[in-house]
Amino acid sequence: MSEKTLTRMDLSEAVFREVGLSRNESAQLVETVLGHISDALVDGESVKISSFGTFSVRDKAARVGRNPKTGEEAPIPPRRVLTFRPSHLMKDRVDDGNKR
């Protein structure tokens, strides 16, 4: 597997090359899209990107956890967690990449 990480700068550079906007406009476009996605998730909405996957927020109930070092029980408060479910097309594409 590759150790490379795709960054915002990489995305804006790809938009710059593919779409032909200026570098500043490309960066602003990426920031705007990511901002809309983030805002929707904060509001509890799901974000579905066709052929890619679905981001959603799930509520987890409070529970009792255990410190692995001491074995002492500790309460874990309720919280919201972000989940991602890839589309079947994305799963197939990643699986095909494993066969190379």
C-alpha atoms as a PDB file:
ATOM      1  CA  MET A   1       0.000   0.000   0.000  1.00  0.00           C
ATOM      2  CA  SER A   2       1.048   3.545  -0.640  1.00  0.00           C
ATOM      3  CA  GLU A   3       2.058   5.868   2.203  1.00  0.00           C
ATOM      4  CA  LYS A   4       0.914   8.973   0.256  1.00  0.00           C
ATOM      5  CA  THR A   5      -1.942  11.073   1.614  1.00  0.00           C
ATOM      6  CA  LEU A   6      -4.231  13.116  -0.621  1.00  0.00           C
ATOM      7  CA  THR A   7      -4.423  16.669   0.744  1.00  0.00           C
ATOM      8  CA  ARG A   8      -6.584  19.727   0.089  1.00  0.00           C
ATOM      9  CA  MET A   9      -3.706  21.180  -1.895  1.00  0.00           C
ATOM     10  CA  ASP A  10      -3.605  18.038  -4.072  1.00  0.00           C
ATOM     11  CA  LEU A  11      -7.341  18.337  -4.703  1.00  0.00           C
ATOM     12  CA  SER A  12      -7.136  22.022  -5.617  1.00  0.00           C
ATOM     13  CA  GLU A  13      -4.170  21.314  -7.909  1.00  0.00           C
ATOM     14  CA  ALA A  14      -6.209  18.585  -9.648  1.00  0.00           C
ATOM     15  CA  VAL A  15      -9.118  21.018 -10.116  1.00  0.00           C
ATOM     16  CA  PHE A  16      -6.659  23.588 -11.481  1.00  0.00           C
ATOM     17  CA  ARG A  17      -5.292  21.094 -14.042  1.00  0.00           C
ATOM     18  CA  GLU A  18      -8.603  19.460 -15.010  1.00  0.00           C
ATOM     19  CA  VAL A  19     -11.049  22.380 -14.980  1.00  0.00           C
ATOM     20  CA  GLY A  20      -8.790  25.265 -15.864  1.00  0.00           C
ATOM     21  CA  LEU A  21      -9.718  27.610 -13.026  1.00  0.00           C
ATOM     22  CA  SER A  22      -6.941  29.685 -11.498  1.00  0.00           C
ATOM     23  CA  ARG A  23      -5.077  28.159  -8.551  1.00  0.00           C
ATOM     24  CA  ASN A  24      -6.849  30.534  -6.141  1.00  0.00           C
ATOM     25  CA  GLU A  25     -10.280  29.773  -7.625  1.00  0.00           C
ATOM     26  CA  SER A  26      -9.535  26.039  -7.506  1.00  0.00           C
ATOM     27  CA  ALA A  27      -8.504  26.225  -3.854  1.00  0.00           C
ATOM     28  CA  GLN A  28     -11.614  28.251  -3.025  1.00  0.00           C
ATOM     29  CA  LEU A  29     -13.839  25.734  -4.845  1.00  0.00           C
ATOM     30  CA  VAL A  30     -12.352  22.820  -2.863  1.00  0.00           C
ATOM     31  CA  GLU A  31     -12.750  24.758   0.406  1.00  0.00           C
ATOM     32  CA  THR A  32     -16.367  25.597  -0.427  1.00  0.00           C
ATOM     33  CA  VAL A  33     -17.269  21.987  -1.243  1.00  0.00           C
ATOM     34  CA  LEU A  34     -15.584  20.668   1.910  1.00  0.00           C
ATOM     35  CA  GLY A  35     -17.303  23.389   3.943  1.00  0.00           C
ATOM     36  CA  HIS A  36     -20.733  22.373   2.631  1.00  0.00           C
ATOM     37  CA  ILE A  37     -20.021  18.724   3.409  1.00  0.00           C
ATOM     38  CA  SER A  38     -18.826  19.586   6.934  1.00  0.00           C
ATOM     39  CA  ASP A  39     -21.816  21.851   7.620  1.00  0.00           C
ATOM     40  CA  ALA A  40     -24.261  19.158   6.517  1.00  0.00           C
ATOM     41  CA  LEU A  41     -22.615  16.573   8.791  1.00  0.00           C
ATOM     42  CA  VAL A  42     -22.589  18.964  11.760  1.00  0.00           C
ATOM     43  CA  ASP A  43     -26.339  19.492  11.191  1.00  0.00           C
ATOM     44  CA  GLY A  44     -26.855  15.722  11.326  1.00  0.00           C
ATOM     45  CA  GLU A  45     -27.495  15.255   7.606  1.00  0.00           C
ATOM     46  CA  SER A  46     -26.060  12.409   5.549  1.00  0.00           C
ATOM     47  CA  VAL A  47     -23.833  13.251   2.592  1.00  0.00           C
ATOM     48  CA  LYS A  48     -24.135  10.856  -0.337  1.00  0.00           C
ATOM     49  CA  ILE A  49     -21.642  11.164  -3.178  1.00  0.00           C
ATOM     50  CA  SER A  50     -22.742   8.966  -6.047  1.00  0.00           C
ATOM     51  CA  SER A  51     -20.278   6.203  -6.998  1.00  0.00           C
ATOM     52  CA  PHE A  52     -18.165   7.100  -3.954  1.00  0.00           C
ATOM     53  CA  GLY A  53     -20.043   6.571  -0.713  1.00  0.00           C
ATOM     54  CA  THR A  54     -22.101   8.025   2.115  1.00  0.00           C
ATOM     55  CA  PHE A  55     -20.899   9.988   5.120  1.00  0.00           C
ATOM     56  CA  SER A  56     -23.248  10.069   8.091  1.00  0.00           C
ATOM     57  CA  VAL A  57     -23.291  10.951  11.773  1.00  0.00           C
ATOM     58  CA  ARG A  58     -24.383   8.347  14.297  1.00  0.00           C
ATOM     59  CA  ASP A  59     -25.279   8.856  17.950  1.00  0.00           C
ATOM     60  CA  LYS A  60     -23.587   6.475  20.363  1.00  0.00           C
ATOM     61  CA  ALA A  61     -25.144   5.892  23.758  1.00  0.00           C
ATOM     62  CA  ALA A  62     -23.341   6.284  27.055  1.00  0.00           C
ATOM     63  CA  ARG A  63     -21.661   3.133  28.279  1.00  0.00           C
ATOM     64  CA  VAL A  64     -19.218   1.816  30.815  1.00  0.00           C
ATOM     65  CA  GLY A  65     -15.691   1.224  29.555  1.00  0.00           C
ATOM     66  CA  ARG A  66     -12.676  -0.331  31.180  1.00  0.00           C
ATOM     67  CA  ASN A  67      -9.127   1.002  31.450  1.00  0.00           C
ATOM     68  CA  PRO A  68      -7.000  -1.765  29.876  1.00  0.00           C
ATOM     69  CA  LYS A  69      -4.029  -1.051  32.162  1.00  0.00           C
ATOM     70  CA  THR A  70      -5.806  -1.000  35.513  1.00  0.00           C
ATOM     71  CA  GLY A  71      -9.072  -2.780  34.742  1.00  0.00           C
ATOM     72  CA  GLU A  72     -10.879   0.120  36.389  1.00  0.00           C
ATOM     73  CA  GLU A  73     -14.330   0.907  35.026  1.00  0.00           C
ATOM     74  CA  ALA A  74     -14.953   4.408  33.678  1.00  0.00           C
ATOM     75  CA  PRO A  75     -18.099   5.971  32.226  1.00  0.00           C
ATOM     76  CA  ILE A  76     -17.958   6.905  28.552  1.00  0.00           C
ATOM     77  CA  PRO A  77     -20.366   9.774  27.780  1.00  0.00           C
ATOM     78  CA  PRO A  78     -22.743   9.727  24.798  1.00  0.00           C
ATOM     79  CA  ARG A  79     -21.264  11.153  21.623  1.00  0.00           C
ATOM     80  CA  ARG A  80     -21.701  11.583  17.897  1.00  0.00           C
ATOM     81  CA  VAL A  81     -19.389   9.713  15.548  1.00  0.00           C
ATOM     82  CA  LEU A  82     -18.744  10.120  11.840  1.00  0.00           C
ATOM     83  CA  THR A  83     -19.163   7.024   9.686  1.00  0.00           C
ATOM     84  CA  PHE A  84     -18.393   6.346   6.034  1.00  0.00           C
ATOM     85  CA  ARG A  85     -19.979   3.630   3.966  1.00  0.00           C
ATOM     86  CA  PRO A  86     -18.359   3.176   0.546  1.00  0.00           C
ATOM     87  CA  SER A  87     -20.533   2.511  -2.497  1.00  0.00           C
ATOM     88  CA  HIS A  88     -20.377  -0.860  -4.211  1.00  0.00           C
ATOM     89  CA  LEU A  89     -18.567   0.780  -7.135  1.00  0.00           C
ATOM     90  CA  MET A  90     -15.906   2.155  -4.770  1.00  0.00           C
ATOM     91  CA  LYS A  91     -15.538  -1.215  -3.039  1.00  0.00           C
ATOM     92  CA  ASP A  92     -15.091  -2.921  -6.408  1.00  0.00           C
ATOM     93  CA  ARG A  93     -12.580  -0.301  -7.550  1.00  0.00           C
ATOM     94  CA  VAL A  94     -10.491  -0.700  -4.385  1.00  0.00           C
ATOM     95  CA  ASP A  95     -10.723  -4.486  -4.658  1.00  0.00           C
ATOM     96  CA  ASP A  96      -9.526  -4.316  -8.283  1.00  0.00           C
ATOM     97  CA  GLY A  97      -6.558  -2.246  -7.095  1.00  0.00           C
ATOM     98  CA  ASN A  98      -5.628  -5.090  -4.730  1.00  0.00           C
ATOM     99  CA  LYS A  99      -5.322  -7.485  -7.676  1.00  0.00           C
ATOM    100  CA  ARG A 100      -2.577  -5.543  -9.434  1.00  0.00           C
END
